[in-house]
Amino acid sequence: MTSATYIERRSELETYFDRTAADAWAKLTSDAPVSGVRATVRAGRDSMRATLLHWLPEDLSGKRILDAGCGAGQLSIEAAKRGADVVAVDLSKTLLDLAQERYREETLSGHVDFTVGDMFDPNLGRFDHVVAMDSLIHYDAGDMVRVLEGFAARTTHSILFTFAPKTPLLAVMHAVGTLFPRGDRAPAIAPVAENRLRARIDQTSTLGAWRVAQSQRIKSGFYISNAMELAAA
């Protein structure tokens, strides 16, 4: 069951990515020139995407993948190139329209079904693998684990996700962000200490059949994110 804090944050994210920052994210996820800070974020996201794709099987023929919070669809398209049938879900219709436009330009052996909605929705069905790249970083540890529980209930092989590691730099960035006018702020990132997240996962009975298989932190300028794989036992 989703919590009140999850629903509140989901609404903030929908407004931000569908309206406030849609143009900026369209540019960030393209090959268009961007400023120095955004260039480091783009490089970090490219590296993170490559890491998560590397953790998936090279041949995804016949596999069903959930790209949870797919944004402009870059990871979905790469997975479909490997033969996967991808359900790409995002709160932002604006970004999904962009993803579909780019998708039509690709030659793929798999398929992508772009869906406007909540990644937590059980009606999306069952999957072999779930990938949630930088789509859980705005939720606190409790809501993050609840989402992982929901994924685990309908996934057979692996859950790949990222979280914002608790670091001094992220703490400073969070403090600086509160100085901007409310209308200009991105939804706050919720840093989580990896050891505490691991402990919380271990203590969650519904995740008892899952184990942390690997973890890797990616840092590029102002981009800091930590990838983690939960594998079915």
C-alpha atoms as a PDB file:
ATOM      1  CA  MET A   1       0.000   0.000   0.000  1.00  0.00           C
ATOM      2  CA  THR A   2       1.326   3.464  -0.900  1.00  0.00           C
ATOM      3  CA  SER A   3       1.764   5.985   1.901  1.00  0.00           C
ATOM      4  CA  ALA A   4       0.621   9.597   2.142  1.00  0.00           C
ATOM      5  CA  THR A   5       4.227  10.779   1.750  1.00  0.00           C
ATOM      6  CA  TYR A   6       4.640   8.673  -1.398  1.00  0.00           C
ATOM      7  CA  ILE A   7       1.474  10.122  -2.938  1.00  0.00           C
ATOM      8  CA  GLU A   8       2.487  13.687  -2.051  1.00  0.00           C
ATOM      9  CA  ARG A   9       5.963  13.288  -3.541  1.00  0.00           C
ATOM     10  CA  ARG A  10       4.552  11.554  -6.639  1.00  0.00           C
ATOM     11  CA  SER A  11       2.363  14.606  -7.287  1.00  0.00           C
ATOM     12  CA  GLU A  12       5.360  16.938  -6.967  1.00  0.00           C
ATOM     13  CA  LEU A  13       7.372  14.819  -9.405  1.00  0.00           C
ATOM     14  CA  GLU A  14       4.550  14.719 -11.944  1.00  0.00           C
ATOM     15  CA  THR A  15       4.255  18.519 -11.915  1.00  0.00           C
ATOM     16  CA  TYR A  16       8.015  19.061 -12.116  1.00  0.00           C
ATOM     17  CA  PHE A  17       8.865  16.617 -14.918  1.00  0.00           C
ATOM     18  CA  ASP A  18       5.683  17.109 -16.924  1.00  0.00           C
ATOM     19  CA  ARG A  19       5.668  20.912 -16.858  1.00  0.00           C
ATOM     20  CA  THR A  20       8.406  22.803 -15.012  1.00  0.00           C
ATOM     21  CA  ALA A  21      11.468  20.934 -16.280  1.00  0.00           C
ATOM     22  CA  ALA A  22      10.207  19.110 -19.377  1.00  0.00           C
ATOM     23  CA  ASP A  23      12.218  21.191 -21.859  1.00  0.00           C
ATOM     24  CA  ALA A  24      15.386  20.997 -19.763  1.00  0.00           C
ATOM     25  CA  TRP A  25      15.122  17.196 -19.515  1.00  0.00           C
ATOM     26  CA  ALA A  26      14.434  16.861 -23.218  1.00  0.00           C
ATOM     27  CA  LYS A  27      17.686  18.716 -23.888  1.00  0.00           C
ATOM     28  CA  LEU A  28      19.631  16.854 -21.182  1.00  0.00           C
ATOM     29  CA  THR A  29      18.677  13.483 -22.674  1.00  0.00           C
ATOM     30  CA  SER A  30      19.611  14.489 -26.228  1.00  0.00           C
ATOM     31  CA  ASP A  31      22.929  15.193 -27.954  1.00  0.00           C
ATOM     32  CA  ALA A  32      22.361  18.963 -27.791  1.00  0.00           C
ATOM     33  CA  PRO A  33      25.124  21.058 -26.147  1.00  0.00           C
ATOM     34  CA  VAL A  34      24.531  21.760 -22.456  1.00  0.00           C
ATOM     35  CA  SER A  35      26.296  23.806 -19.786  1.00  0.00           C
ATOM     36  CA  GLY A  36      29.231  22.487 -17.765  1.00  0.00           C
ATOM     37  CA  VAL A  37      27.177  21.388 -14.753  1.00  0.00           C
ATOM     38  CA  ARG A  38      24.523  19.724 -16.898  1.00  0.00           C
ATOM     39  CA  ALA A  39      27.233  18.069 -18.977  1.00  0.00           C
ATOM     40  CA  THR A  40      28.535  16.325 -15.836  1.00  0.00           C
ATOM     41  CA  VAL A  41      24.979  15.240 -14.975  1.00  0.00           C
ATOM     42  CA  ARG A  42      24.501  13.885 -18.501  1.00  0.00           C
ATOM     43  CA  ALA A  43      27.801  11.999 -18.280  1.00  0.00           C
ATOM     44  CA  GLY A  44      26.838  10.577 -14.894  1.00  0.00           C
ATOM     45  CA  ARG A  45      23.445   9.438 -16.127  1.00  0.00           C
ATOM     46  CA  ASP A  46      25.015   7.871 -19.216  1.00  0.00           C
ATOM     47  CA  SER A  47      27.442   5.966 -16.987  1.00  0.00           C
ATOM     48  CA  MET A  48      24.659   4.853 -14.652  1.00  0.00           C
ATOM     49  CA  ARG A  49      22.503   3.667 -17.544  1.00  0.00           C
ATOM     50  CA  ALA A  50      25.441   1.685 -18.945  1.00  0.00           C
ATOM     51  CA  THR A  51      26.005   0.097 -15.528  1.00  0.00           C
ATOM     52  CA  LEU A  52      22.389  -1.020 -15.162  1.00  0.00           C
ATOM     53  CA  LEU A  53      22.289  -2.351 -18.722  1.00  0.00           C
ATOM     54  CA  HIS A  54      25.516  -4.255 -18.035  1.00  0.00           C
ATOM     55  CA  TRP A  55      23.821  -5.943 -15.063  1.00  0.00           C
ATOM     56  CA  LEU A  56      21.003  -7.194 -17.289  1.00  0.00           C
ATOM     57  CA  PRO A  57      21.499 -10.264 -19.508  1.00  0.00           C
ATOM     58  CA  GLU A  58      22.949  -9.451 -22.915  1.00  0.00           C
ATOM     59  CA  ASP A  59      20.185 -11.443 -24.617  1.00  0.00           C
ATOM     60  CA  LEU A  60      16.762 -10.300 -23.410  1.00  0.00           C
ATOM     61  CA  SER A  61      14.722 -12.068 -26.084  1.00  0.00           C
ATOM     62  CA  GLY A  62      11.352 -13.059 -24.663  1.00  0.00           C
ATOM     63  CA  LYS A  63      11.988 -11.273 -21.361  1.00  0.00           C
ATOM     64  CA  ARG A  64       9.536  -8.747 -19.952  1.00  0.00           C
ATOM     65  CA  ILE A  65      11.162  -5.655 -18.451  1.00  0.00           C
ATOM     66  CA  LEU A  66       9.645  -2.823 -16.405  1.00  0.00           C
ATOM     67  CA  ASP A  67      11.439   0.486 -16.880  1.00  0.00           C
ATOM     68  CA  ALA A  68      10.036   2.254 -13.825  1.00  0.00           C
ATOM     69  CA  GLY A  69      10.235   6.013 -14.266  1.00  0.00           C
ATOM     70  CA  CYS A  70      11.535   5.696 -17.820  1.00  0.00           C
ATOM     71  CA  GLY A  71      11.741   9.427 -18.593  1.00  0.00           C
ATOM     72  CA  ALA A  72      12.809   9.963 -22.197  1.00  0.00           C
ATOM     73  CA  GLY A  73      13.100   6.217 -22.733  1.00  0.00           C
ATOM     74  CA  GLN A  74      16.819   5.769 -23.338  1.00  0.00           C
ATOM     75  CA  LEU A  75      17.176   2.626 -21.216  1.00  0.00           C
ATOM     76  CA  SER A  76      13.917   1.183 -22.575  1.00  0.00           C
ATOM     77  CA  ILE A  77      15.142   1.528 -26.137  1.00  0.00           C
ATOM     78  CA  GLU A  78      18.502  -0.101 -25.351  1.00  0.00           C
ATOM     79  CA  ALA A  79      16.763  -3.037 -23.638  1.00  0.00           C
ATOM     80  CA  ALA A  80      14.444  -3.452 -26.627  1.00  0.00           C
ATOM     81  CA  LYS A  81      17.485  -3.579 -28.911  1.00  0.00           C
ATOM     82  CA  ARG A  82      18.430  -6.745 -26.981  1.00  0.00           C
ATOM     83  CA  GLY A  83      15.028  -8.269 -27.690  1.00  0.00           C
ATOM     84  CA  ALA A  84      13.132  -7.331 -24.522  1.00  0.00           C
ATOM     85  CA  ASP A  85       9.453  -6.533 -24.322  1.00  0.00           C
ATOM     86  CA  VAL A  86       9.564  -3.377 -22.208  1.00  0.00           C
ATOM     87  CA  VAL A  87       6.808  -1.666 -20.266  1.00  0.00           C
ATOM     88  CA  ALA A  88       8.101   1.901 -19.941  1.00  0.00           C
ATOM     89  CA  VAL A  89       6.083   3.803 -17.346  1.00  0.00           C
ATOM     90  CA  ASP A  90       6.424   7.410 -16.225  1.00  0.00           C
ATOM     91  CA  LEU A  91       4.298  10.079 -14.557  1.00  0.00           C
ATOM     92  CA  SER A  92       5.195  12.628 -17.242  1.00  0.00           C
ATOM     93  CA  LYS A  93       3.191  12.430 -20.469  1.00  0.00           C
ATOM     94  CA  THR A  94       5.450  15.140 -21.925  1.00  0.00           C
ATOM     95  CA  LEU A  95       8.564  12.997 -21.498  1.00  0.00           C
ATOM     96  CA  LEU A  96       6.759   9.887 -22.738  1.00  0.00           C
ATOM     97  CA  ASP A  97       5.714  11.720 -25.903  1.00  0.00           C
ATOM     98  CA  LEU A  98       9.385  12.550 -26.448  1.00  0.00           C
ATOM     99  CA  ALA A  99      10.369   8.925 -25.760  1.00  0.00           C
ATOM    100  CA  GLN A 100       7.845   7.643 -28.296  1.00  0.00           C
ATOM    101  CA  GLU A 101       9.119  10.069 -30.910  1.00  0.00           C
ATOM    102  CA  ARG A 102      12.667   8.807 -30.425  1.00  0.00           C
ATOM    103  CA  TYR A 103      11.472   5.186 -30.313  1.00  0.00           C
ATOM    104  CA  ARG A 104       9.972   5.464 -33.800  1.00  0.00           C
ATOM    105  CA  GLU A 105      13.413   6.317 -35.167  1.00  0.00           C
ATOM    106  CA  GLU A 106      15.033   3.100 -33.859  1.00  0.00           C
ATOM    107  CA  THR A 107      15.296  -0.387 -35.334  1.00  0.00           C
ATOM    108  CA  LEU A 108      14.596  -2.860 -32.529  1.00  0.00           C
ATOM    109  CA  SER A 109      14.243  -6.621 -32.144  1.00  0.00           C
ATOM    110  CA  GLY A 110      12.017  -6.138 -29.074  1.00  0.00           C
ATOM    111  CA  HIS A 111       9.162  -3.799 -28.274  1.00  0.00           C
ATOM    112  CA  VAL A 112       8.433  -0.888 -25.931  1.00  0.00           C
ATOM    113  CA  ASP A 113       4.988  -0.095 -24.570  1.00  0.00           C
ATOM    114  CA  PHE A 114       5.020   3.464 -23.198  1.00  0.00           C
ATOM    115  CA  THR A 115       2.501   4.022 -20.396  1.00  0.00           C
ATOM    116  CA  VAL A 116       1.610   7.132 -18.408  1.00  0.00           C
ATOM    117  CA  GLY A 117       1.166   6.077 -14.804  1.00  0.00           C
ATOM    118  CA  ASP A 118       2.656   5.058 -11.469  1.00  0.00           C
ATOM    119  CA  MET A 119       5.548   2.583 -11.406  1.00  0.00           C
ATOM    120  CA  PHE A 120       3.994   1.119  -8.232  1.00  0.00           C
ATOM    121  CA  ASP A 121       0.799   0.069 -10.047  1.00  0.00           C
ATOM    122  CA  PRO A 122       0.372  -3.736  -9.781  1.00  0.00           C
ATOM    123  CA  ASN A 123      -1.840  -3.695 -12.885  1.00  0.00           C
ATOM    124  CA  LEU A 124       1.305  -3.290 -14.978  1.00  0.00           C
ATOM    125  CA  GLY A 125       1.721  -7.053 -14.585  1.00  0.00           C
ATOM    126  CA  ARG A 126       4.632  -9.387 -13.908  1.00  0.00           C
ATOM    127  CA  PHE A 127       8.220  -9.031 -15.087  1.00  0.00           C
ATOM    128  CA  ASP A 128      11.501 -10.883 -15.404  1.00  0.00           C
ATOM    129  CA  HIS A 129      13.483  -7.770 -14.471  1.00  0.00           C
ATOM    130  CA  VAL A 130      12.637  -4.329 -13.106  1.00  0.00           C
ATOM    131  CA  VAL A 131      14.866  -1.279 -13.588  1.00  0.00           C
ATOM    132  CA  ALA A 132      14.272   1.963 -11.683  1.00  0.00           C
ATOM    133  CA  MET A 133      17.029   4.410 -12.622  1.00  0.00           C
ATOM    134  CA  ASP A 134      16.966   7.557 -10.476  1.00  0.00           C
ATOM    135  CA  SER A 135      13.204   7.249 -10.001  1.00  0.00           C
ATOM    136  CA  LEU A 136      13.334   6.319  -6.295  1.00  0.00           C
ATOM    137  CA  ILE A 137      15.861   8.954  -5.238  1.00  0.00           C
ATOM    138  CA  HIS A 138      13.147  11.429  -4.219  1.00  0.00           C
ATOM    139  CA  TYR A 139      11.486   9.044  -1.750  1.00  0.00           C
ATOM    140  CA  ASP A 140      12.505   8.360   1.834  1.00  0.00           C
ATOM    141  CA  ALA A 141      13.857   4.935   2.806  1.00  0.00           C
ATOM    142  CA  GLY A 142      10.498   3.698   4.059  1.00  0.00           C
ATOM    143  CA  ASP A 143       8.651   4.522   0.839  1.00  0.00           C
ATOM    144  CA  MET A 144      11.570   3.214  -1.223  1.00  0.00           C
ATOM    145  CA  VAL A 145      11.437  -0.182   0.481  1.00  0.00           C
ATOM    146  CA  ARG A 146       7.655  -0.317   0.095  1.00  0.00           C
ATOM    147  CA  VAL A 147       8.081   0.185  -3.654  1.00  0.00           C
ATOM    148  CA  LEU A 148      10.743  -2.548  -3.725  1.00  0.00           C
ATOM    149  CA  GLU A 149       8.303  -4.864  -1.958  1.00  0.00           C
ATOM    150  CA  GLY A 150       5.739  -4.154  -4.649  1.00  0.00           C
ATOM    151  CA  PHE A 151       8.285  -4.856  -7.377  1.00  0.00           C
ATOM    152  CA  ALA A 152       9.423  -8.083  -5.686  1.00  0.00           C
ATOM    153  CA  ALA A 153       5.867  -9.414  -5.578  1.00  0.00           C
ATOM    154  CA  ARG A 154       5.696  -9.389  -9.385  1.00  0.00           C
ATOM    155  CA  THR A 155       9.307  -9.932 -10.495  1.00  0.00           C
ATOM    156  CA  THR A 156      11.090 -13.252 -11.022  1.00  0.00           C
ATOM    157  CA  HIS A 157      14.781 -12.448 -11.499  1.00  0.00           C
ATOM    158  CA  SER A 158      16.181  -9.053 -10.535  1.00  0.00           C
ATOM    159  CA  ILE A 159      15.354  -5.536  -9.412  1.00  0.00           C
ATOM    160  CA  LEU A 160      17.881  -2.891 -10.405  1.00  0.00           C
ATOM    161  CA  PHE A 161      17.427   0.494  -8.784  1.00  0.00           C
ATOM    162  CA  THR A 162      19.347   3.556  -7.709  1.00  0.00           C
ATOM    163  CA  PHE A 163      19.331   5.610  -4.553  1.00  0.00           C
ATOM    164  CA  ALA A 164      20.994   8.853  -3.514  1.00  0.00           C
ATOM    165  CA  PRO A 165      23.850   7.935  -1.156  1.00  0.00           C
ATOM    166  CA  LYS A 166      24.210  10.058   1.948  1.00  0.00           C
ATOM    167  CA  THR A 167      27.363  12.129   1.309  1.00  0.00           C
ATOM    168  CA  PRO A 168      28.573  15.563   2.502  1.00  0.00           C
ATOM    169  CA  LEU A 169      28.249  16.947  -1.053  1.00  0.00           C
ATOM    170  CA  LEU A 170      24.628  15.861  -1.369  1.00  0.00           C
ATOM    171  CA  ALA A 171      23.897  17.389   2.026  1.00  0.00           C
ATOM    172  CA  VAL A 172      25.312  20.730   0.842  1.00  0.00           C
ATOM    173  CA  MET A 173      23.390  20.538  -2.449  1.00  0.00           C
ATOM    174  CA  HIS A 174      20.186  19.851  -0.529  1.00  0.00           C
ATOM    175  CA  ALA A 175      20.771  22.855   1.726  1.00  0.00           C
ATOM    176  CA  VAL A 176      21.519  25.156  -1.208  1.00  0.00           C
ATOM    177  CA  GLY A 177      18.407  23.947  -3.015  1.00  0.00           C
ATOM    178  CA  THR A 178      16.167  25.182  -0.206  1.00  0.00           C
ATOM    179  CA  LEU A 179      17.362  28.745  -0.886  1.00  0.00           C
ATOM    180  CA  PHE A 180      15.696  28.879  -4.311  1.00  0.00           C
ATOM    181  CA  PRO A 181      12.113  30.150  -4.668  1.00  0.00           C
ATOM    182  CA  ARG A 182       9.694  27.242  -4.209  1.00  0.00           C
ATOM    183  CA  GLY A 183       8.457  27.442  -7.810  1.00  0.00           C
ATOM    184  CA  ASP A 184      12.007  26.972  -9.153  1.00  0.00           C
ATOM    185  CA  ARG A 185      12.977  24.024  -7.004  1.00  0.00           C
ATOM    186  CA  ALA A 186      13.292  20.467  -8.214  1.00  0.00           C
ATOM    187  CA  PRO A 187      11.680  17.926  -5.869  1.00  0.00           C
ATOM    188  CA  ALA A 188      14.147  17.238  -3.080  1.00  0.00           C
ATOM    189  CA  ILE A 189      16.406  14.212  -3.265  1.00  0.00           C
ATOM    190  CA  ALA A 190      16.277  12.013  -0.157  1.00  0.00           C
ATOM    191  CA  PRO A 191      19.818  10.753   0.630  1.00  0.00           C
ATOM    192  CA  VAL A 192      20.006   7.289   2.200  1.00  0.00           C
ATOM    193  CA  ALA A 193      22.989   5.639   3.899  1.00  0.00           C
ATOM    194  CA  GLU A 194      23.757   2.367   2.105  1.00  0.00           C
ATOM    195  CA  ASN A 195      24.324   0.364   5.290  1.00  0.00           C
ATOM    196  CA  ARG A 196      20.952   1.469   6.651  1.00  0.00           C
ATOM    197  CA  LEU A 197      19.208   0.682   3.385  1.00  0.00           C
ATOM    198  CA  ARG A 198      20.757  -2.795   3.328  1.00  0.00           C
ATOM    199  CA  ALA A 199      19.665  -3.355   6.931  1.00  0.00           C
ATOM    200  CA  ARG A 200      16.147  -2.223   6.161  1.00  0.00           C
ATOM    201  CA  ILE A 201      15.939  -4.581   3.178  1.00  0.00           C
ATOM    202  CA  ASP A 202      17.262  -7.473   5.309  1.00  0.00           C
ATOM    203  CA  GLN A 203      14.656  -6.746   7.989  1.00  0.00           C
ATOM    204  CA  THR A 204      11.718  -6.657   5.554  1.00  0.00           C
ATOM    205  CA  SER A 205      10.082 -10.074   5.650  1.00  0.00           C
ATOM    206  CA  THR A 206       8.537  -9.810   2.183  1.00  0.00           C
ATOM    207  CA  LEU A 207      12.025  -9.296   0.746  1.00  0.00           C
ATOM    208  CA  GLY A 208      13.387 -12.378   2.500  1.00  0.00           C
ATOM    209  CA  ALA A 209      13.784 -14.247  -0.784  1.00  0.00           C
ATOM    210  CA  TRP A 210      15.879 -11.426  -2.241  1.00  0.00           C
ATOM    211  CA  ARG A 211      19.536 -10.535  -1.677  1.00  0.00           C
ATOM    212  CA  VAL A 212      21.741  -7.583  -2.550  1.00  0.00           C
ATOM    213  CA  ALA A 213      23.846  -8.982  -5.391  1.00  0.00           C
ATOM    214  CA  GLN A 214      25.936  -5.913  -6.226  1.00  0.00           C
ATOM    215  CA  SER A 215      26.249  -2.208  -5.626  1.00  0.00           C
ATOM    216  CA  GLN A 216      28.113   0.563  -7.429  1.00  0.00           C
ATOM    217  CA  ARG A 217      28.320   4.314  -6.905  1.00  0.00           C
ATOM    218  CA  ILE A 218      28.555   6.671  -9.883  1.00  0.00           C
ATOM    219  CA  LYS A 219      29.876  10.208  -9.400  1.00  0.00           C
ATOM    220  CA  SER A 220      30.270  12.789 -12.143  1.00  0.00           C
ATOM    221  CA  GLY A 221      30.433  16.404 -11.011  1.00  0.00           C
ATOM    222  CA  PHE A 222      27.050  17.179  -9.461  1.00  0.00           C
ATOM    223  CA  TYR A 223      25.670  13.751 -10.326  1.00  0.00           C
ATOM    224  CA  ILE A 224      25.931  11.251  -7.459  1.00  0.00           C
ATOM    225  CA  SER A 225      23.862   8.080  -7.465  1.00  0.00           C
ATOM    226  CA  ASN A 226      24.274   4.498  -6.242  1.00  0.00           C
ATOM    227  CA  ALA A 227      23.113   1.465  -8.223  1.00  0.00           C
ATOM    228  CA  MET A 228      22.002  -1.653  -6.398  1.00  0.00           C
ATOM    229  CA  GLU A 229      20.825  -5.043  -7.640  1.00  0.00           C
ATOM    230  CA  LEU A 230      18.370  -7.188  -5.715  1.00  0.00           C
ATOM    231  CA  ALA A 231      18.452 -10.751  -7.012  1.00  0.00           C
ATOM    232  CA  ALA A 232      15.890 -13.454  -6.351  1.00  0.00           C
ATOM    233  CA  ALA A 233      17.347 -16.265  -4.244  1.00  0.00           C
END
